[in-house]
Amino acid sequence: MKPRILSLLILIGGILAIISFSSSIRSLLKKDDLFIQKEEKLEELKNKNWQLEQTLKEVQSKEFIEKEAREKLGMGKNGEIVVILSESKNQKIKKSKNQKELENWKKWYNLFFY
C-alpha cells in the first residue's frame, strides 16, 4: 500500500510541476511578445525623432527663415521691390489656382481687372 501512495504522490507532484512549468512558459512567451512590440514602438519613435530633427534643422536654416519672411511677412532683400496685393485680389488668384491651370495672359488679366 505504501508504494502505491508514494507513486500516487509522485504522480500528483509531477502533474503539478508540469502545470507550473507550462504556466511559466506561457508567461514568458507573452513577455517576449510584449518585448517585440516595445522594440517596434522604439524604432517607430526613433524614426519620428529623426524626422523631427531634420525638420528642426530645416526650420532653423537661413533659407527657410528668408522664405518665410518673404511669403508671410511680405519682406524682401535690399534693392528688391515688394508688391503687396489687396486681400480680394489674393483670394481671386488663389481661387483661380485651385481651378484648372490658366494660361499666363488670363492670369495677368485676372490680376489687374478683377
N, C-alpha and C. Protein backbone atom coordinates (compact mmCIF):
# COMPACT_ATOMS: atom_id res chain seq x y z
N MET A 1 0.82 -1.18 0.00
CA MET A 1 0.00 0.00 0.00
C MET A 1 0.87 1.26 0.00
N LYS A 2 1.95 1.22 0.74
CA LYS A 2 2.83 2.39 0.79
C LYS A 2 3.44 2.68 -0.57
N PRO A 3 3.87 1.68 -1.33
CA PRO A 3 4.41 2.02 -2.64
C PRO A 3 3.36 2.66 -3.55
N ARG A 4 2.11 2.26 -3.42
CA ARG A 4 1.05 2.87 -4.22
C ARG A 4 0.83 4.33 -3.85
N ILE A 5 0.84 4.64 -2.59
CA ILE A 5 0.64 6.02 -2.11
C ILE A 5 1.83 6.88 -2.55
N LEU A 6 3.01 6.31 -2.44
CA LEU A 6 4.22 7.03 -2.83
C LEU A 6 4.20 7.32 -4.33
N SER A 7 3.84 6.34 -5.14
CA SER A 7 3.78 6.56 -6.59
C SER A 7 2.67 7.55 -6.95
N LEU A 8 1.55 7.52 -6.23
CA LEU A 8 0.45 8.47 -6.45
C LEU A 8 0.90 9.89 -6.10
N LEU A 9 1.62 10.05 -5.01
CA LEU A 9 2.13 11.37 -4.62
C LEU A 9 3.14 11.88 -5.64
N ILE A 10 3.99 11.00 -6.14
CA ILE A 10 4.96 11.39 -7.16
C ILE A 10 4.23 11.81 -8.44
N LEU A 11 3.20 11.06 -8.80
CA LEU A 11 2.40 11.39 -9.99
C LEU A 11 1.73 12.75 -9.84
N ILE A 12 1.13 12.98 -8.68
CA ILE A 12 0.46 14.27 -8.43
C ILE A 12 1.49 15.40 -8.43
N GLY A 13 2.64 15.19 -7.82
CA GLY A 13 3.71 16.20 -7.81
C GLY A 13 4.20 16.49 -9.22
N GLY A 14 4.34 15.44 -10.04
CA GLY A 14 4.77 15.63 -11.42
C GLY A 14 3.76 16.43 -12.22
N ILE A 15 2.47 16.12 -12.03
CA ILE A 15 1.42 16.86 -12.74
C ILE A 15 1.44 18.33 -12.32
N LEU A 16 1.59 18.59 -11.04
CA LEU A 16 1.65 19.98 -10.55
C LEU A 16 2.88 20.70 -11.12
N ALA A 17 4.01 19.99 -11.20
CA ALA A 17 5.23 20.59 -11.75
C ALA A 17 5.03 20.93 -13.23
N ILE A 18 4.40 20.01 -13.98
CA ILE A 18 4.14 20.26 -15.40
C ILE A 18 3.22 21.46 -15.58
N ILE A 19 2.19 21.56 -14.77
CA ILE A 19 1.27 22.71 -14.84
C ILE A 19 2.01 24.00 -14.53
N SER A 20 2.85 23.98 -13.50
CA SER A 20 3.62 25.17 -13.11
C SER A 20 4.58 25.58 -14.23
N PHE A 21 5.29 24.61 -14.82
CA PHE A 21 6.23 24.93 -15.89
C PHE A 21 5.52 25.46 -17.13
N SER A 22 4.39 24.85 -17.46
CA SER A 22 3.65 25.33 -18.64
C SER A 22 3.12 26.74 -18.42
N SER A 23 2.70 27.04 -17.21
CA SER A 23 2.25 28.40 -16.89
C SER A 23 3.41 29.38 -17.01
N SER A 24 4.57 28.99 -16.54
CA SER A 24 5.75 29.85 -16.62
C SER A 24 6.15 30.08 -18.08
N ILE A 25 6.09 29.03 -18.88
CA ILE A 25 6.44 29.15 -20.30
C ILE A 25 5.46 30.06 -21.01
N ARG A 26 4.17 29.94 -20.73
CA ARG A 26 3.16 30.80 -21.33
C ARG A 26 3.41 32.27 -20.95
N SER A 27 3.76 32.48 -19.69
CA SER A 27 4.05 33.84 -19.21
C SER A 27 5.27 34.41 -19.93
N LEU A 28 6.30 33.59 -20.13
CA LEU A 28 7.50 34.06 -20.83
C LEU A 28 7.20 34.40 -22.29
N LEU A 29 6.37 33.60 -22.93
CA LEU A 29 6.01 33.87 -24.32
C LEU A 29 5.25 35.19 -24.45
N LYS A 30 4.36 35.46 -23.49
CA LYS A 30 3.63 36.74 -23.51
C LYS A 30 4.60 37.90 -23.33
N LYS A 31 5.57 37.72 -22.43
CA LYS A 31 6.54 38.79 -22.20
C LYS A 31 7.42 38.99 -23.43
N ASP A 32 7.72 37.91 -24.12
CA ASP A 32 8.52 38.01 -25.34
C ASP A 32 7.76 38.80 -26.40
N ASP A 33 6.47 38.54 -26.55
CA ASP A 33 5.65 39.29 -27.50
C ASP A 33 5.60 40.77 -27.12
N LEU A 34 5.47 41.03 -25.83
CA LEU A 34 5.44 42.42 -25.35
C LEU A 34 6.78 43.10 -25.64
N PHE A 35 7.87 42.38 -25.45
CA PHE A 35 9.20 42.92 -25.72
C PHE A 35 9.34 43.28 -27.19
N ILE A 36 8.87 42.43 -28.08
CA ILE A 36 8.94 42.69 -29.52
C ILE A 36 8.10 43.92 -29.88
N GLN A 37 6.92 44.04 -29.29
CA GLN A 37 6.07 45.21 -29.54
C GLN A 37 6.76 46.49 -29.09
N LYS A 38 7.39 46.43 -27.94
CA LYS A 38 8.07 47.63 -27.41
C LYS A 38 9.28 47.99 -28.28
N GLU A 39 9.99 46.99 -28.80
CA GLU A 39 11.10 47.28 -29.71
C GLU A 39 10.60 47.95 -30.99
N GLU A 40 9.49 47.48 -31.53
CA GLU A 40 8.91 48.09 -32.73
C GLU A 40 8.49 49.53 -32.46
N LYS A 41 7.89 49.76 -31.30
CA LYS A 41 7.48 51.11 -30.91
C LYS A 41 8.70 52.02 -30.76
N LEU A 42 9.78 51.47 -30.20
CA LEU A 42 11.02 52.24 -30.05
C LEU A 42 11.58 52.63 -31.41
N GLU A 43 11.60 51.72 -32.36
CA GLU A 43 12.07 52.03 -33.71
C GLU A 43 11.21 53.11 -34.36
N GLU A 44 9.90 52.99 -34.17
CA GLU A 44 8.98 53.98 -34.73
C GLU A 44 9.26 55.36 -34.13
N LEU A 45 9.47 55.41 -32.82
CA LEU A 45 9.75 56.69 -32.16
C LEU A 45 11.12 57.25 -32.57
N LYS A 46 12.10 56.37 -32.80
CA LYS A 46 13.40 56.84 -33.27
C LYS A 46 13.27 57.46 -34.64
N ASN A 47 12.48 56.83 -35.52
CA ASN A 47 12.26 57.39 -36.86
C ASN A 47 11.56 58.75 -36.79
N LYS A 48 10.56 58.84 -35.93
CA LYS A 48 9.84 60.11 -35.78
C LYS A 48 10.77 61.19 -35.22
N ASN A 49 11.61 60.81 -34.27
CA ASN A 49 12.57 61.74 -33.69
C ASN A 49 13.54 62.23 -34.75
N TRP A 50 14.01 61.33 -35.61
CA TRP A 50 14.92 61.71 -36.68
C TRP A 50 14.25 62.70 -37.63
N GLN A 51 12.99 62.41 -37.97
CA GLN A 51 12.25 63.31 -38.86
C GLN A 51 12.08 64.69 -38.23
N LEU A 52 11.78 64.71 -36.94
CA LEU A 52 11.62 66.00 -36.25
C LEU A 52 12.94 66.76 -36.19
N GLU A 53 14.05 66.04 -36.00
CA GLU A 53 15.36 66.70 -36.01
C GLU A 53 15.66 67.30 -37.37
N GLN A 54 15.31 66.58 -38.45
CA GLN A 54 15.52 67.10 -39.79
C GLN A 54 14.66 68.34 -40.04
N THR A 55 13.41 68.29 -39.57
CA THR A 55 12.52 69.45 -39.72
C THR A 55 13.07 70.64 -38.94
N LEU A 56 13.58 70.38 -37.74
CA LEU A 56 14.15 71.46 -36.92
C LEU A 56 15.35 72.08 -37.63
N LYS A 57 16.23 71.25 -38.21
CA LYS A 57 17.37 71.79 -38.93
C LYS A 57 16.91 72.65 -40.11
N GLU A 58 15.89 72.16 -40.81
CA GLU A 58 15.37 72.90 -41.96
C GLU A 58 14.78 74.24 -41.53
N VAL A 59 14.01 74.22 -40.45
CA VAL A 59 13.35 75.44 -39.98
C VAL A 59 14.37 76.45 -39.47
N GLN A 60 15.47 75.99 -38.93
CA GLN A 60 16.49 76.90 -38.41
C GLN A 60 17.43 77.40 -39.49
N SER A 61 17.31 76.89 -40.71
CA SER A 61 18.22 77.31 -41.77
C SER A 61 17.90 78.73 -42.23
N LYS A 62 18.92 79.39 -42.75
CA LYS A 62 18.78 80.77 -43.22
C LYS A 62 17.81 80.86 -44.40
N GLU A 63 17.85 79.84 -45.27
CA GLU A 63 16.97 79.85 -46.44
C GLU A 63 15.50 79.78 -46.04
N PHE A 64 15.20 78.94 -45.05
CA PHE A 64 13.81 78.80 -44.62
C PHE A 64 13.32 80.09 -43.98
N ILE A 65 14.15 80.69 -43.15
CA ILE A 65 13.76 81.95 -42.48
C ILE A 65 13.51 83.04 -43.52
N GLU A 66 14.38 83.09 -44.53
CA GLU A 66 14.21 84.08 -45.59
C GLU A 66 12.92 83.83 -46.38
N LYS A 67 12.66 82.57 -46.68
CA LYS A 67 11.45 82.21 -47.43
C LYS A 67 10.19 82.60 -46.64
N GLU A 68 10.18 82.29 -45.36
CA GLU A 68 9.01 82.63 -44.53
C GLU A 68 8.84 84.14 -44.42
N ALA A 69 9.94 84.86 -44.29
CA ALA A 69 9.85 86.32 -44.20
C ALA A 69 9.28 86.89 -45.50
N ARG A 70 9.66 86.31 -46.62
CA ARG A 70 9.14 86.79 -47.90
C ARG A 70 7.67 86.46 -48.06
N GLU A 71 7.31 85.21 -47.76
CA GLU A 71 5.93 84.77 -48.01
C GLU A 71 4.92 85.29 -47.00
N LYS A 72 5.28 85.25 -45.73
CA LYS A 72 4.28 85.57 -44.70
C LYS A 72 4.34 87.01 -44.22
N LEU A 73 5.52 87.63 -44.30
CA LEU A 73 5.65 88.99 -43.79
C LEU A 73 5.77 90.02 -44.91
N GLY A 74 5.89 89.57 -46.14
CA GLY A 74 5.98 90.50 -47.26
C GLY A 74 7.29 91.25 -47.30
N MET A 75 8.33 90.67 -46.75
CA MET A 75 9.63 91.33 -46.71
C MET A 75 10.43 90.96 -47.95
N GLY A 76 11.47 91.73 -48.23
CA GLY A 76 12.34 91.45 -49.36
C GLY A 76 13.76 91.86 -49.04
N LYS A 77 14.67 91.52 -49.95
CA LYS A 77 16.08 91.90 -49.78
C LYS A 77 16.26 93.36 -50.14
N ASN A 78 17.40 93.90 -49.76
CA ASN A 78 17.71 95.29 -50.11
C ASN A 78 17.74 95.43 -51.62
N GLY A 79 17.07 96.47 -52.13
CA GLY A 79 17.03 96.72 -53.55
C GLY A 79 15.87 96.04 -54.27
N GLU A 80 15.17 95.16 -53.60
CA GLU A 80 14.03 94.50 -54.22
C GLU A 80 12.77 95.32 -54.01
N ILE A 81 11.87 95.19 -54.94
CA ILE A 81 10.58 95.85 -54.81
C ILE A 81 9.56 94.78 -54.43
N VAL A 82 8.87 95.02 -53.34
CA VAL A 82 7.87 94.06 -52.87
C VAL A 82 6.50 94.53 -53.31
N VAL A 83 5.78 93.68 -53.98
CA VAL A 83 4.43 94.00 -54.43
C VAL A 83 3.45 93.32 -53.49
N ILE A 84 2.59 94.10 -52.89
CA ILE A 84 1.59 93.55 -51.97
C ILE A 84 0.23 93.73 -52.62
N LEU A 85 -0.44 92.64 -52.84
CA LEU A 85 -1.76 92.67 -53.47
C LEU A 85 -2.82 92.83 -52.40
N SER A 86 -3.93 93.44 -52.80
CA SER A 86 -5.03 93.57 -51.85
C SER A 86 -5.58 92.19 -51.54
N GLU A 87 -6.24 92.08 -50.44
CA GLU A 87 -6.76 90.78 -49.99
C GLU A 87 -7.73 90.18 -50.99
N SER A 88 -8.57 91.01 -51.59
CA SER A 88 -9.54 90.47 -52.54
C SER A 88 -8.85 89.90 -53.78
N LYS A 89 -7.79 90.54 -54.25
CA LYS A 89 -7.06 90.03 -55.41
C LYS A 89 -6.33 88.74 -55.06
N ASN A 90 -5.78 88.69 -53.86
CA ASN A 90 -5.11 87.46 -53.42
C ASN A 90 -6.08 86.29 -53.40
N GLN A 91 -7.28 86.53 -52.89
CA GLN A 91 -8.27 85.46 -52.83
C GLN A 91 -8.68 85.01 -54.22
N LYS A 92 -8.82 85.95 -55.15
CA LYS A 92 -9.21 85.58 -56.51
C LYS A 92 -8.10 84.79 -57.20
N ILE A 93 -6.87 85.18 -56.95
CA ILE A 93 -5.76 84.43 -57.53
C ILE A 93 -5.72 83.03 -56.96
N LYS A 94 -5.92 82.89 -55.66
CA LYS A 94 -5.91 81.57 -55.03
C LYS A 94 -7.05 80.71 -55.56
N LYS A 95 -8.21 81.32 -55.76
CA LYS A 95 -9.33 80.57 -56.31
C LYS A 95 -9.01 80.08 -57.72
N SER A 96 -8.37 80.93 -58.49
CA SER A 96 -8.04 80.52 -59.86
C SER A 96 -6.98 79.43 -59.84
N LYS A 97 -6.10 79.41 -58.86
CA LYS A 97 -5.10 78.35 -58.75
C LYS A 97 -5.76 77.02 -58.41
N ASN A 98 -6.80 77.08 -57.61
CA ASN A 98 -7.50 75.85 -57.24
C ASN A 98 -8.26 75.28 -58.43
N GLN A 99 -8.66 76.12 -59.33
CA GLN A 99 -9.33 75.66 -60.53
C GLN A 99 -8.27 75.15 -61.49
N LYS A 100 -8.68 74.83 -62.69
CA LYS A 100 -7.71 74.34 -63.66
C LYS A 100 -6.67 75.43 -63.94
N GLU A 101 -5.49 75.02 -64.37
CA GLU A 101 -4.39 75.94 -64.62
C GLU A 101 -4.74 76.85 -65.79
N LEU A 102 -4.66 78.15 -65.54
CA LEU A 102 -4.98 79.14 -66.58
C LEU A 102 -3.73 79.49 -67.36
N GLU A 103 -3.97 80.01 -68.56
CA GLU A 103 -2.85 80.50 -69.35
C GLU A 103 -2.34 81.77 -68.72
N ASN A 104 -1.07 82.13 -68.99
CA ASN A 104 -0.45 83.29 -68.34
C ASN A 104 -1.19 84.59 -68.62
N TRP A 105 -1.61 84.81 -69.86
CA TRP A 105 -2.28 86.07 -70.17
C TRP A 105 -3.59 86.20 -69.39
N LYS A 106 -4.28 85.05 -69.15
CA LYS A 106 -5.52 85.10 -68.37
C LYS A 106 -5.23 85.40 -66.91
N LYS A 107 -4.12 84.88 -66.40
CA LYS A 107 -3.74 85.17 -65.01
C LYS A 107 -3.48 86.66 -64.84
N TRP A 108 -2.74 87.26 -65.77
CA TRP A 108 -2.46 88.69 -65.69
C TRP A 108 -3.74 89.51 -65.83
N TYR A 109 -4.60 89.09 -66.74
CA TYR A 109 -5.87 89.78 -66.93
C TYR A 109 -6.68 89.73 -65.63
N ASN A 110 -6.76 88.55 -65.01
CA ASN A 110 -7.50 88.40 -63.76
C ASN A 110 -6.88 89.21 -62.64
N LEU A 111 -5.58 89.31 -62.65
CA LEU A 111 -4.89 90.06 -61.61
C LEU A 111 -5.24 91.54 -61.64
N PHE A 112 -5.29 92.12 -62.83
CA PHE A 112 -5.50 93.55 -62.93
C PHE A 112 -6.94 93.99 -63.12
N PHE A 113 -7.80 93.13 -63.61
CA PHE A 113 -9.15 93.57 -63.93
C PHE A 113 -10.23 92.92 -63.09
N TYR A 114 -9.89 92.11 -62.13
CA TYR A 114 -10.92 91.53 -61.25
C TYR A 114 -10.71 91.93 -59.84
